[in-house]
Amino acid sequence: MGVPSPDTPAPLFSMRRIISAALEEDLAYGDLTSTLLIPPTLLARADIIAKGHMIVAGVAIAREVFQTVDSTIELTTHAGDGTMVRPSTTILSMKGKAQSLLQGERIALNFLQRLSGIS
């Protein structure tokens, strides 16, 4: 990863290092299921939806996970950090290659669940 450039704020640089480490661990051998079963050109939509009452935290890192996996993924934030939400509230919507969405979803959800649980 190296040293942050003068244009990259330290927290963003640290966040990217954590994301890279998580992706390397999770995708060390690739996403075999997605690769074997899903055509690489298949496009999909996905939503991250709250399962219960919560204060949202970690949206920026979840977005960065998906952008790190595939910069062409389109992201829409519906509930930002610090927002109190009810069950069934959409927090984040994604559009892009199905394989890319699946590669990022577990890591993004892990960060959101952990950070929202702390908040």
PDB file of N, CA and C in Angstrom:
ATOM      1  N   MET A   1       0.817  -1.192   0.000  1.00  0.00           N
ATOM      2  CA  MET A   1       0.000   0.000   0.000  1.00  0.00           C
ATOM      3  C   MET A   1       0.858   1.252   0.000  1.00  0.00           C
ATOM      4  N   GLY A   2       1.995   1.230   0.726  1.00  0.00           N
ATOM      5  CA  GLY A   2       2.876   2.375   0.711  1.00  0.00           C
ATOM      6  C   GLY A   2       2.456   3.478   1.658  1.00  0.00           C
ATOM      7  N   VAL A   3       2.919   4.662   1.333  1.00  0.00           N
ATOM      8  CA  VAL A   3       2.664   5.848   2.145  1.00  0.00           C
ATOM      9  C   VAL A   3       1.548   6.647   1.490  1.00  0.00           C
ATOM     10  N   PRO A   4       0.651   7.270   2.306  1.00  0.00           N
ATOM     11  CA  PRO A   4      -0.425   8.045   1.697  1.00  0.00           C
ATOM     12  C   PRO A   4       0.133   9.226   0.913  1.00  0.00           C
ATOM     13  N   SER A   5      -0.509   9.535  -0.201  1.00  0.00           N
ATOM     14  CA  SER A   5      -0.112  10.716  -0.960  1.00  0.00           C
ATOM     15  C   SER A   5      -0.623  11.946  -0.216  1.00  0.00           C
ATOM     16  N   PRO A   6      -0.075  13.119  -0.503  1.00  0.00           N
ATOM     17  CA  PRO A   6      -0.550  14.329   0.168  1.00  0.00           C
ATOM     18  C   PRO A   6      -2.032  14.600  -0.096  1.00  0.00           C
ATOM     19  N   ASP A   7      -2.579  14.031  -1.169  1.00  0.00           N
ATOM     20  CA  ASP A   7      -3.984  14.254  -1.513  1.00  0.00           C
ATOM     21  C   ASP A   7      -4.930  13.282  -0.819  1.00  0.00           C
ATOM     22  N   THR A   8      -4.402  12.257  -0.147  1.00  0.00           N
ATOM     23  CA  THR A   8      -5.241  11.251   0.505  1.00  0.00           C
ATOM     24  C   THR A   8      -5.245  11.493   2.007  1.00  0.00           C
ATOM     25  N   PRO A   9      -6.413  11.856   2.578  1.00  0.00           N
ATOM     26  CA  PRO A   9      -6.474  12.054   4.026  1.00  0.00           C
ATOM     27  C   PRO A   9      -6.090  10.770   4.763  1.00  0.00           C
ATOM     28  N   ALA A  10      -5.426  10.907   5.909  1.00  0.00           N
ATOM     29  CA  ALA A  10      -4.957   9.748   6.676  1.00  0.00           C
ATOM     30  C   ALA A  10      -6.065   8.758   6.994  1.00  0.00           C
ATOM     31  N   PRO A  11      -7.263   9.204   7.456  1.00  0.00           N
ATOM     32  CA  PRO A  11      -8.311   8.216   7.752  1.00  0.00           C
ATOM     33  C   PRO A  11      -8.718   7.401   6.518  1.00  0.00           C
ATOM     34  N   LEU A  12      -8.775   8.048   5.353  1.00  0.00           N
ATOM     35  CA  LEU A  12      -9.133   7.333   4.128  1.00  0.00           C
ATOM     36  C   LEU A  12      -8.041   6.332   3.767  1.00  0.00           C
ATOM     37  N   PHE A  13      -6.784   6.729   3.922  1.00  0.00           N
ATOM     38  CA  PHE A  13      -5.674   5.825   3.644  1.00  0.00           C
ATOM     39  C   PHE A  13      -5.749   4.603   4.557  1.00  0.00           C
ATOM     40  N   SER A  14      -6.000   4.827   5.850  1.00  0.00           N
ATOM     41  CA  SER A  14      -6.121   3.717   6.809  1.00  0.00           C
ATOM     42  C   SER A  14      -7.295   2.819   6.462  1.00  0.00           C
ATOM     43  N   MET A  15      -8.425   3.423   6.087  1.00  0.00           N
ATOM     44  CA  MET A  15      -9.614   2.661   5.722  1.00  0.00           C
ATOM     45  C   MET A  15      -9.311   1.765   4.521  1.00  0.00           C
ATOM     46  N   ARG A  16      -8.613   2.309   3.544  1.00  0.00           N
ATOM     47  CA  ARG A  16      -8.286   1.522   2.347  1.00  0.00           C
ATOM     48  C   ARG A  16      -7.361   0.355   2.685  1.00  0.00           C
ATOM     49  N   ARG A  17      -6.448   0.548   3.619  1.00  0.00           N
ATOM     50  CA  ARG A  17      -5.560  -0.550   4.027  1.00  0.00           C
ATOM     51  C   ARG A  17      -6.361  -1.666   4.683  1.00  0.00           C
ATOM     52  N   ILE A  18      -7.308  -1.302   5.540  1.00  0.00           N
ATOM     53  CA  ILE A  18      -8.145  -2.296   6.217  1.00  0.00           C
ATOM     54  C   ILE A  18      -8.997  -3.042   5.199  1.00  0.00           C
ATOM     55  N   ILE A  19      -9.576  -2.313   4.260  1.00  0.00           N
ATOM     56  CA  ILE A  19     -10.405  -2.931   3.218  1.00  0.00           C
ATOM     57  C   ILE A  19      -9.566  -3.885   2.374  1.00  0.00           C
ATOM     58  N   SER A  20      -8.384  -3.463   1.971  1.00  0.00           N
ATOM     59  CA  SER A  20      -7.512  -4.326   1.161  1.00  0.00           C
ATOM     60  C   SER A  20      -7.176  -5.613   1.900  1.00  0.00           C
ATOM     61  N   ALA A  21      -6.886  -5.494   3.184  1.00  0.00           N
ATOM     62  CA  ALA A  21      -6.572  -6.687   3.981  1.00  0.00           C
ATOM     63  C   ALA A  21      -7.779  -7.616   4.067  1.00  0.00           C
ATOM     64  N   ALA A  22      -8.967  -7.048   4.267  1.00  0.00           N
ATOM     65  CA  ALA A  22     -10.186  -7.867   4.354  1.00  0.00           C
ATOM     66  C   ALA A  22     -10.469  -8.562   3.026  1.00  0.00           C
ATOM     67  N   LEU A  23     -10.299  -7.848   1.924  1.00  0.00           N
ATOM     68  CA  LEU A  23     -10.532  -8.446   0.605  1.00  0.00           C
ATOM     69  C   LEU A  23      -9.515  -9.549   0.318  1.00  0.00           C
ATOM     70  N   GLU A  24      -8.262  -9.308   0.660  1.00  0.00           N
ATOM     71  CA  GLU A  24      -7.233 -10.331   0.439  1.00  0.00           C
ATOM     72  C   GLU A  24      -7.554 -11.600   1.224  1.00  0.00           C
ATOM     73  N   GLU A  25      -8.016 -11.430   2.450  1.00  0.00           N
ATOM     74  CA  GLU A  25      -8.355 -12.591   3.279  1.00  0.00           C
ATOM     75  C   GLU A  25      -9.576 -13.322   2.728  1.00  0.00           C
ATOM     76  N   ASP A  26     -10.608 -12.568   2.367  1.00  0.00           N
ATOM     77  CA  ASP A  26     -11.863 -13.176   1.933  1.00  0.00           C
ATOM     78  C   ASP A  26     -11.771 -13.768   0.528  1.00  0.00           C
ATOM     79  N   LEU A  27     -11.011 -13.127  -0.333  1.00  0.00           N
ATOM     80  CA  LEU A  27     -10.954 -13.556  -1.737  1.00  0.00           C
ATOM     81  C   LEU A  27      -9.592 -14.138  -2.106  1.00  0.00           C
ATOM     82  N   ALA A  28      -8.885 -14.685  -1.128  1.00  0.00           N
ATOM     83  CA  ALA A  28      -7.538 -15.211  -1.372  1.00  0.00           C
ATOM     84  C   ALA A  28      -7.503 -16.198  -2.537  1.00  0.00           C
ATOM     85  N   TYR A  29      -8.528 -17.015  -2.640  1.00  0.00           N
ATOM     86  CA  TYR A  29      -8.593 -18.006  -3.721  1.00  0.00           C
ATOM     87  C   TYR A  29      -9.640 -17.631  -4.756  1.00  0.00           C
ATOM     88  N   GLY A  30     -10.077 -16.388  -4.739  1.00  0.00           N
ATOM     89  CA  GLY A  30     -11.111 -15.929  -5.651  1.00  0.00           C
ATOM     90  C   GLY A  30     -12.479 -16.319  -5.126  1.00  0.00           C
ATOM     91  N   ASP A  31     -13.491 -15.849  -5.784  1.00  0.00           N
ATOM     92  CA  ASP A  31     -14.870 -16.194  -5.428  1.00  0.00           C
ATOM     93  C   ASP A  31     -15.299 -17.299  -6.388  1.00  0.00           C
ATOM     94  N   LEU A  32     -14.952 -18.536  -6.044  1.00  0.00           N
ATOM     95  CA  LEU A  32     -15.156 -19.661  -6.955  1.00  0.00           C
ATOM     96  C   LEU A  32     -16.619 -19.861  -7.328  1.00  0.00           C
ATOM     97  N   THR A  33     -17.523 -19.749  -6.361  1.00  0.00           N
ATOM     98  CA  THR A  33     -18.946 -19.963  -6.640  1.00  0.00           C
ATOM     99  C   THR A  33     -19.445 -18.961  -7.669  1.00  0.00           C
ATOM    100  N   SER A  34     -19.167 -17.675  -7.439  1.00  0.00           N
ATOM    101  CA  SER A  34     -19.612 -16.643  -8.379  1.00  0.00           C
ATOM    102  C   SER A  34     -18.970 -16.826  -9.746  1.00  0.00           C
ATOM    103  N   THR A  35     -17.681 -17.135  -9.751  1.00  0.00           N
ATOM    104  CA  THR A  35     -16.967 -17.302 -11.014  1.00  0.00           C
ATOM    105  C   THR A  35     -17.531 -18.458 -11.830  1.00  0.00           C
ATOM    106  N   LEU A  36     -17.872 -19.556 -11.166  1.00  0.00           N
ATOM    107  CA  LEU A  36     -18.364 -20.738 -11.872  1.00  0.00           C
ATOM    108  C   LEU A  36     -19.832 -20.637 -12.268  1.00  0.00           C
ATOM    109  N   LEU A  37     -20.636 -19.938 -11.480  1.00  0.00           N
ATOM    110  CA  LEU A  37     -22.084 -19.954 -11.698  1.00  0.00           C
ATOM    111  C   LEU A  37     -22.677 -18.692 -12.306  1.00  0.00           C
ATOM    112  N   ILE A  38     -21.956 -17.584 -12.256  1.00  0.00           N
ATOM    113  CA  ILE A  38     -22.532 -16.314 -12.709  1.00  0.00           C
ATOM    114  C   ILE A  38     -21.724 -15.782 -13.887  1.00  0.00           C
ATOM    115  N   PRO A  39     -22.394 -15.505 -15.003  1.00  0.00           N
ATOM    116  CA  PRO A  39     -21.675 -14.939 -16.153  1.00  0.00           C
ATOM    117  C   PRO A  39     -21.029 -13.604 -15.773  1.00  0.00           C
ATOM    118  N   PRO A  40     -19.809 -13.349 -16.224  1.00  0.00           N
ATOM    119  CA  PRO A  40     -19.098 -12.129 -15.834  1.00  0.00           C
ATOM    120  C   PRO A  40     -19.777 -10.841 -16.292  1.00  0.00           C
ATOM    121  N   THR A  41     -20.632 -10.917 -17.297  1.00  0.00           N
ATOM    122  CA  THR A  41     -21.291  -9.712 -17.802  1.00  0.00           C
ATOM    123  C   THR A  41     -22.681  -9.486 -17.203  1.00  0.00           C
ATOM    124  N   LEU A  42     -23.149 -10.418 -16.364  1.00  0.00           N
ATOM    125  CA  LEU A  42     -24.482 -10.286 -15.771  1.00  0.00           C
ATOM    126  C   LEU A  42     -24.526  -9.085 -14.834  1.00  0.00           C
ATOM    127  N   LEU A  43     -25.487  -8.189 -15.064  1.00  0.00           N
ATOM    128  CA  LEU A  43     -25.671  -7.016 -14.215  1.00  0.00           C
ATOM    129  C   LEU A  43     -26.754  -7.296 -13.189  1.00  0.00           C
ATOM    130  N   ALA A  44     -26.621  -6.680 -12.018  1.00  0.00           N
ATOM    131  CA  ALA A  44     -27.586  -6.913 -10.938  1.00  0.00           C
ATOM    132  C   ALA A  44     -27.749  -5.647 -10.105  1.00  0.00           C
ATOM    133  N   ARG A  45     -28.811  -5.656  -9.310  1.00  0.00           N
ATOM    134  CA  ARG A  45     -29.074  -4.606  -8.323  1.00  0.00           C
ATOM    135  C   ARG A  45     -29.126  -5.277  -6.964  1.00  0.00           C
ATOM    136  N   ALA A  46     -28.735  -4.542  -5.949  1.00  0.00           N
ATOM    137  CA  ALA A  46     -28.803  -5.080  -4.592  1.00  0.00           C
ATOM    138  C   ALA A  46     -29.037  -3.933  -3.619  1.00  0.00           C
ATOM    139  N   ASP A  47     -29.676  -4.255  -2.517  1.00  0.00           N
ATOM    140  CA  ASP A  47     -29.923  -3.277  -1.461  1.00  0.00           C
ATOM    141  C   ASP A  47     -29.426  -3.840  -0.140  1.00  0.00           C
ATOM    142  N   ILE A  48     -28.876  -2.991   0.687  1.00  0.00           N
ATOM    143  CA  ILE A  48     -28.584  -3.338   2.073  1.00  0.00           C
ATOM    144  C   ILE A  48     -29.714  -2.737   2.891  1.00  0.00           C
ATOM    145  N   ILE A  49     -30.423  -3.608   3.606  1.00  0.00           N
ATOM    146  CA  ILE A  49     -31.644  -3.223   4.316  1.00  0.00           C
ATOM    147  C   ILE A  49     -31.481  -3.523   5.802  1.00  0.00           C
ATOM    148  N   ALA A  50     -31.905  -2.588   6.642  1.00  0.00           N
ATOM    149  CA  ALA A  50     -31.834  -2.775   8.097  1.00  0.00           C
ATOM    150  C   ALA A  50     -32.783  -3.883   8.531  1.00  0.00           C
ATOM    151  N   LYS A  51     -32.297  -4.758   9.404  1.00  0.00           N
ATOM    152  CA  LYS A  51     -33.134  -5.841   9.940  1.00  0.00           C
ATOM    153  C   LYS A  51     -33.862  -5.412  11.211  1.00  0.00           C
ATOM    154  N   GLY A  52     -33.399  -4.348  11.824  1.00  0.00           N
ATOM    155  CA  GLY A  52     -34.019  -3.891  13.064  1.00  0.00           C
ATOM    156  C   GLY A  52     -33.792  -2.406  13.245  1.00  0.00           C
ATOM    157  N   HIS A  53     -34.280  -1.870  14.366  1.00  0.00           N
ATOM    158  CA  HIS A  53     -34.019  -0.474  14.702  1.00  0.00           C
ATOM    159  C   HIS A  53     -32.523  -0.333  14.950  1.00  0.00           C
ATOM    160  N   MET A  54     -31.925   0.704  14.387  1.00  0.00           N
ATOM    161  CA  MET A  54     -30.484   0.872  14.559  1.00  0.00           C
ATOM    162  C   MET A  54     -30.057   2.281  14.212  1.00  0.00           C
ATOM    163  N   ILE A  55     -28.871   2.639  14.676  1.00  0.00           N
ATOM    164  CA  ILE A  55     -28.203   3.855  14.230  1.00  0.00           C
ATOM    165  C   ILE A  55     -27.153   3.404  13.225  1.00  0.00           C
ATOM    166  N   VAL A  56     -27.235   3.931  12.026  1.00  0.00           N
ATOM    167  CA  VAL A  56     -26.353   3.519  10.936  1.00  0.00           C
ATOM    168  C   VAL A  56     -24.938   4.060  11.169  1.00  0.00           C
ATOM    169  N   ALA A  57     -23.964   3.206  10.958  1.00  0.00           N
ATOM    170  CA  ALA A  57     -22.551   3.603  11.004  1.00  0.00           C
ATOM    171  C   ALA A  57     -21.770   2.711  10.048  1.00  0.00           C
ATOM    172  N   GLY A  58     -20.828   3.300   9.340  1.00  0.00           N
ATOM    173  CA  GLY A  58     -19.977   2.520   8.448  1.00  0.00           C
ATOM    174  C   GLY A  58     -20.345   2.591   6.979  1.00  0.00           C
ATOM    175  N   VAL A  59     -21.219   3.527   6.615  1.00  0.00           N
ATOM    176  CA  VAL A  59     -21.632   3.618   5.208  1.00  0.00           C
ATOM    177  C   VAL A  59     -20.441   3.972   4.312  1.00  0.00           C
ATOM    178  N   ALA A  60     -19.598   4.881   4.757  1.00  0.00           N
ATOM    179  CA  ALA A  60     -18.444   5.277   3.934  1.00  0.00           C
ATOM    180  C   ALA A  60     -17.525   4.090   3.662  1.00  0.00           C
ATOM    181  N   ILE A  61     -17.283   3.283   4.670  1.00  0.00           N
ATOM    182  CA  ILE A  61     -16.396   2.131   4.471  1.00  0.00           C
ATOM    183  C   ILE A  61     -17.078   1.068   3.607  1.00  0.00           C
ATOM    184  N   ALA A  62     -18.394   0.894   3.752  1.00  0.00           N
ATOM    185  CA  ALA A  62     -19.124  -0.054   2.896  1.00  0.00           C
ATOM    186  C   ALA A  62     -19.051   0.391   1.437  1.00  0.00           C
ATOM    187  N   ARG A  63     -19.246   1.678   1.210  1.00  0.00           N
ATOM    188  CA  ARG A  63     -19.148   2.210  -0.154  1.00  0.00           C
ATOM    189  C   ARG A  63     -17.742   1.981  -0.716  1.00  0.00           C
ATOM    190  N   GLU A  64     -16.740   2.230   0.108  1.00  0.00           N
ATOM    191  CA  GLU A  64     -15.352   2.075  -0.338  1.00  0.00           C
ATOM    192  C   GLU A  64     -15.030   0.615  -0.657  1.00  0.00           C
ATOM    193  N   VAL A  65     -15.629  -0.321   0.083  1.00  0.00           N
ATOM    194  CA  VAL A  65     -15.437  -1.747  -0.216  1.00  0.00           C
ATOM    195  C   VAL A  65     -15.886  -2.027  -1.647  1.00  0.00           C
ATOM    196  N   PHE A  66     -17.115  -1.606  -1.978  1.00  0.00           N
ATOM    197  CA  PHE A  66     -17.638  -1.879  -3.317  1.00  0.00           C
ATOM    198  C   PHE A  66     -16.822  -1.170  -4.392  1.00  0.00           C
ATOM    199  N   GLN A  67     -16.396   0.067  -4.135  1.00  0.00           N
ATOM    200  CA  GLN A  67     -15.600   0.797  -5.116  1.00  0.00           C
ATOM    201  C   GLN A  67     -14.216   0.172  -5.291  1.00  0.00           C
ATOM    202  N   THR A  68     -13.691  -0.435  -4.237  1.00  0.00           N
ATOM    203  CA  THR A  68     -12.399  -1.119  -4.329  1.00  0.00           C
ATOM    204  C   THR A  68     -12.527  -2.391  -5.164  1.00  0.00           C
ATOM    205  N   VAL A  69     -13.617  -3.115  -4.967  1.00  0.00           N
ATOM    206  CA  VAL A  69     -13.858  -4.342  -5.738  1.00  0.00           C
ATOM    207  C   VAL A  69     -14.045  -4.009  -7.211  1.00  0.00           C
ATOM    208  N   ASP A  70     -14.841  -2.968  -7.497  1.00  0.00           N
ATOM    209  CA  ASP A  70     -15.165  -2.626  -8.886  1.00  0.00           C
ATOM    210  C   ASP A  70     -15.611  -1.168  -8.931  1.00  0.00           C
ATOM    211  N   SER A  71     -14.788  -0.324  -9.498  1.00  0.00           N
ATOM    212  CA  SER A  71     -15.080   1.117  -9.518  1.00  0.00           C
ATOM    213  C   SER A  71     -16.277   1.477 -10.392  1.00  0.00           C
ATOM    214  N   THR A  72     -16.801   0.521 -11.165  1.00  0.00           N
ATOM    215  CA  THR A  72     -17.967   0.819 -12.004  1.00  0.00           C
ATOM    216  C   THR A  72     -19.292   0.587 -11.277  1.00  0.00           C
ATOM    217  N   ILE A  73     -19.244   0.063 -10.056  1.00  0.00           N
ATOM    218  CA  ILE A  73     -20.481  -0.148  -9.293  1.00  0.00           C
ATOM    219  C   ILE A  73     -21.095   1.210  -8.971  1.00  0.00           C
ATOM    220  N   GLU A  74     -22.392   1.343  -9.248  1.00  0.00           N
ATOM    221  CA  GLU A  74     -23.126   2.569  -8.920  1.00  0.00           C
ATOM    222  C   GLU A  74     -23.723   2.411  -7.529  1.00  0.00           C
ATOM    223  N   LEU A  75     -23.485   3.399  -6.675  1.00  0.00           N
ATOM    224  CA  LEU A  75     -23.932   3.336  -5.284  1.00  0.00           C
ATOM    225  C   LEU A  75     -24.847   4.513  -4.964  1.00  0.00           C
ATOM    226  N   THR A  76     -25.913   4.230  -4.223  1.00  0.00           N
ATOM    227  CA  THR A  76     -26.816   5.273  -3.744  1.00  0.00           C
ATOM    228  C   THR A  76     -27.003   5.083  -2.248  1.00  0.00           C
ATOM    229  N   THR A  77     -26.649   6.107  -1.481  1.00  0.00           N
ATOM    230  CA  THR A  77     -26.828   6.058  -0.034  1.00  0.00           C
ATOM    231  C   THR A  77     -28.214   6.591   0.306  1.00  0.00           C
ATOM    232  N   HIS A  78     -28.984   5.799   1.047  1.00  0.00           N
ATOM    233  CA  HIS A  78     -30.329   6.203   1.466  1.00  0.00           C
ATOM    234  C   HIS A  78     -30.360   6.627   2.930  1.00  0.00           C
ATOM    235  N   ALA A  79     -29.438   6.109   3.735  1.00  0.00           N
ATOM    236  CA  ALA A  79     -29.358   6.450   5.157  1.00  0.00           C
ATOM    237  C   ALA A  79     -27.882   6.549   5.527  1.00  0.00           C
ATOM    238  N   GLY A  80     -27.444   7.747   5.829  1.00  0.00           N
ATOM    239  CA  GLY A  80     -26.038   7.962   6.140  1.00  0.00           C
ATOM    240  C   GLY A  80     -25.698   7.675   7.589  1.00  0.00           C
ATOM    241  N   ASP A  81     -24.418   7.770   7.891  1.00  0.00           N
ATOM    242  CA  ASP A  81     -23.943   7.549   9.253  1.00  0.00           C
ATOM    243  C   ASP A  81     -24.669   8.471  10.229  1.00  0.00           C
ATOM    244  N   GLY A  82     -25.043   7.917  11.371  1.00  0.00           N
ATOM    245  CA  GLY A  82     -25.726   8.680  12.403  1.00  0.00           C
ATOM    246  C   GLY A  82     -27.235   8.708  12.272  1.00  0.00           C
ATOM    247  N   THR A  83     -27.767   8.134  11.193  1.00  0.00           N
ATOM    248  CA  THR A  83     -29.209   8.112  10.969  1.00  0.00           C
ATOM    249  C   THR A  83     -29.847   6.977  11.760  1.00  0.00           C
ATOM    250  N   MET A  84     -30.909   7.279  12.488  1.00  0.00           N
ATOM    251  CA  MET A  84     -31.688   6.245  13.183  1.00  0.00           C
ATOM    252  C   MET A  84     -32.676   5.683  12.162  1.00  0.00           C
ATOM    253  N   VAL A  85     -32.667   4.359  11.978  1.00  0.00           N
ATOM    254  CA  VAL A  85     -33.563   3.741  10.998  1.00  0.00           C
ATOM    255  C   VAL A  85     -34.406   2.653  11.653  1.00  0.00           C
ATOM    256  N   ARG A  86     -35.496   2.343  10.986  1.00  0.00           N
ATOM    257  CA  ARG A  86     -36.413   1.282  11.418  1.00  0.00           C
ATOM    258  C   ARG A  86     -36.143   0.023  10.597  1.00  0.00           C
ATOM    259  N   PRO A  87     -36.697  -1.101  11.025  1.00  0.00           N
ATOM    260  CA  PRO A  87     -36.569  -2.316  10.218  1.00  0.00           C
ATOM    261  C   PRO A  87     -37.096  -2.080   8.799  1.00  0.00           C
ATOM    262  N   SER A  88     -36.470  -2.693   7.840  1.00  0.00           N
ATOM    263  CA  SER A  88     -36.831  -2.641   6.416  1.00  0.00           C
ATOM    264  C   SER A  88     -36.423  -1.347   5.720  1.00  0.00           C
ATOM    265  N   THR A  89     -35.666  -0.481   6.392  1.00  0.00           N
ATOM    266  CA  THR A  89     -35.171   0.738   5.757  1.00  0.00           C
ATOM    267  C   THR A  89     -33.980   0.389   4.867  1.00  0.00           C
ATOM    268  N   THR A  90     -34.008   0.856   3.627  1.00  0.00           N
ATOM    269  CA  THR A  90     -32.872   0.655   2.732  1.00  0.00           C
ATOM    270  C   THR A  90     -31.766   1.631   3.123  1.00  0.00           C
ATOM    271  N   ILE A  91     -30.580   1.094   3.336  1.00  0.00           N
ATOM    272  CA  ILE A  91     -29.429   1.905   3.734  1.00  0.00           C
ATOM    273  C   ILE A  91     -28.580   2.262   2.518  1.00  0.00           C
ATOM    274  N   LEU A  92     -28.321   1.277   1.665  1.00  0.00           N
ATOM    275  CA  LEU A  92     -27.445   1.467   0.517  1.00  0.00           C
ATOM    276  C   LEU A  92     -27.943   0.615  -0.637  1.00  0.00           C
ATOM    277  N   SER A  93     -27.956   1.190  -1.835  1.00  0.00           N
ATOM    278  CA  SER A  93     -28.326   0.450  -3.048  1.00  0.00           C
ATOM    279  C   SER A  93     -27.124   0.403  -3.978  1.00  0.00           C
ATOM    280  N   MET A  94     -26.986  -0.725  -4.675  1.00  0.00           N
ATOM    281  CA  MET A  94     -25.878  -0.919  -5.596  1.00  0.00           C
ATOM    282  C   MET A  94     -26.395  -1.440  -6.934  1.00  0.00           C
ATOM    283  N   LYS A  95     -25.711  -1.039  -8.008  1.00  0.00           N
ATOM    284  CA  LYS A  95     -25.955  -1.592  -9.342  1.00  0.00           C
ATOM    285  C   LYS A  95     -24.603  -1.850  -9.974  1.00  0.00           C
ATOM    286  N   GLY A  96     -24.475  -3.032 -10.580  1.00  0.00           N
ATOM    287  CA  GLY A  96     -23.217  -3.345 -11.244  1.00  0.00           C
ATOM    288  C   GLY A  96     -23.139  -4.812 -11.607  1.00  0.00           C
ATOM    289  N   LYS A  97     -21.943  -5.271 -11.903  1.00  0.00           N
ATOM    290  CA  LYS A  97     -21.739  -6.676 -12.245  1.00  0.00           C
ATOM    291  C   LYS A  97     -22.065  -7.535 -11.024  1.00  0.00           C
ATOM    292  N   ALA A  98     -22.855  -8.584 -11.251  1.00  0.00           N
ATOM    293  CA  ALA A  98     -23.291  -9.454 -10.153  1.00  0.00           C
ATOM    294  C   ALA A  98     -22.096 -10.040  -9.405  1.00  0.00           C
ATOM    295  N   GLN A  99     -21.080 -10.475 -10.127  1.00  0.00           N
ATOM    296  CA  GLN A  99     -19.895 -11.045  -9.475  1.00  0.00           C
ATOM    297  C   GLN A  99     -19.246 -10.027  -8.535  1.00  0.00           C
ATOM    298  N   SER A 100     -19.149  -8.793  -8.971  1.00  0.00           N
ATOM    299  CA  SER A 100     -18.534  -7.746  -8.151  1.00  0.00           C
ATOM    300  C   SER A 100     -19.360  -7.456  -6.907  1.00  0.00           C
ATOM    301  N   LEU A 101     -20.676  -7.402  -7.067  1.00  0.00           N
ATOM    302  CA  LEU A 101     -21.549  -7.149  -5.917  1.00  0.00           C
ATOM    303  C   LEU A 101     -21.397  -8.254  -4.881  1.00  0.00           C
ATOM    304  N   LEU A 102     -21.338  -9.493  -5.343  1.00  0.00           N
ATOM    305  CA  LEU A 102     -21.193 -10.621  -4.419  1.00  0.00           C
ATOM    306  C   LEU A 102     -19.821 -10.639  -3.749  1.00  0.00           C
ATOM    307  N   GLN A 103     -18.798 -10.229  -4.463  1.00  0.00           N
ATOM    308  CA  GLN A 103     -17.457 -10.203  -3.877  1.00  0.00           C
ATOM    309  C   GLN A 103     -17.361  -9.184  -2.743  1.00  0.00           C
ATOM    310  N   GLY A 104     -18.076  -8.080  -2.859  1.00  0.00           N
ATOM    311  CA  GLY A 104     -17.991  -7.039  -1.840  1.00  0.00           C
ATOM    312  C   GLY A 104     -19.012  -7.127  -0.736  1.00  0.00           C
ATOM    313  N   GLU A 105     -20.099  -7.860  -0.950  1.00  0.00           N
ATOM    314  CA  GLU A 105     -21.222  -7.786  -0.008  1.00  0.00           C
ATOM    315  C   GLU A 105     -20.893  -8.291   1.387  1.00  0.00           C
ATOM    316  N   ARG A 106     -20.202  -9.391   1.538  1.00  0.00           N
ATOM    317  CA  ARG A 106     -19.941  -9.923   2.884  1.00  0.00           C
ATOM    318  C   ARG A 106     -19.050  -8.980   3.679  1.00  0.00           C
ATOM    319  N   ILE A 107     -18.026  -8.452   3.030  1.00  0.00           N
ATOM    320  CA  ILE A 107     -17.115  -7.545   3.726  1.00  0.00           C
ATOM    321  C   ILE A 107     -17.830  -6.246   4.088  1.00  0.00           C
ATOM    322  N   ALA A 108     -18.587  -5.689   3.149  1.00  0.00           N
ATOM    323  CA  ALA A 108     -19.327  -4.450   3.426  1.00  0.00           C
ATOM    324  C   ALA A 108     -20.317  -4.658   4.566  1.00  0.00           C
ATOM    325  N   LEU A 109     -21.037  -5.785   4.540  1.00  0.00           N
ATOM    326  CA  LEU A 109     -21.996  -6.077   5.614  1.00  0.00           C
ATOM    327  C   LEU A 109     -21.294  -6.268   6.955  1.00  0.00           C
ATOM    328  N   ASN A 110     -20.145  -6.928   6.956  1.00  0.00           N
ATOM    329  CA  ASN A 110     -19.402  -7.114   8.205  1.00  0.00           C
ATOM    330  C   ASN A 110     -19.044  -5.766   8.830  1.00  0.00           C
ATOM    331  N   PHE A 111     -18.539  -4.845   8.020  1.00  0.00           N
ATOM    332  CA  PHE A 111     -18.193  -3.519   8.538  1.00  0.00           C
ATOM    333  C   PHE A 111     -19.435  -2.785   9.037  1.00  0.00           C
ATOM    334  N   LEU A 112     -20.502  -2.786   8.243  1.00  0.00           N
ATOM    335  CA  LEU A 112     -21.736  -2.094   8.657  1.00  0.00           C
ATOM    336  C   LEU A 112     -22.305  -2.675   9.947  1.00  0.00           C
ATOM    337  N   GLN A 113     -22.358  -3.991  10.040  1.00  0.00           N
ATOM    338  CA  GLN A 113     -22.920  -4.625  11.237  1.00  0.00           C
ATOM    339  C   GLN A 113     -22.083  -4.309  12.466  1.00  0.00           C
ATOM    340  N   ARG A 114     -20.792  -4.414  12.329  1.00  0.00           N
ATOM    341  CA  ARG A 114     -19.907  -4.173  13.473  1.00  0.00           C
ATOM    342  C   ARG A 114     -19.972  -2.710  13.920  1.00  0.00           C
ATOM    343  N   LEU A 115     -19.844  -1.795  12.974  1.00  0.00           N
ATOM    344  CA  LEU A 115     -19.825  -0.374  13.327  1.00  0.00           C
ATOM    345  C   LEU A 115     -21.191   0.117  13.797  1.00  0.00           C
ATOM    346  N   SER A 116     -22.261  -0.367  13.179  1.00  0.00           N
ATOM    347  CA  SER A 116     -23.607   0.023  13.625  1.00  0.00           C
ATOM    348  C   SER A 116     -23.907  -0.563  14.999  1.00  0.00           C
ATOM    349  N   GLY A 117     -23.398  -1.750  15.271  1.00  0.00           N
ATOM    350  CA  GLY A 117     -23.591  -2.363  16.589  1.00  0.00           C
ATOM    351  C   GLY A 117     -22.904  -1.568  17.687  1.00  0.00           C
ATOM    352  N   ILE A 118     -21.763  -0.987  17.363  1.00  0.00           N
ATOM    353  CA  ILE A 118     -21.029  -0.171  18.330  1.00  0.00           C
ATOM    354  C   ILE A 118     -21.732   1.163  18.551  1.00  0.00           C
ATOM    355  N   SER A 119     -22.321   1.711  17.477  1.00  0.00           N
ATOM    356  CA  SER A 119     -22.947   3.034  17.593  1.00  0.00           C
ATOM    357  C   SER A 119     -24.241   2.931  18.364  1.00  0.00           C
TER     358      SER A 119
END
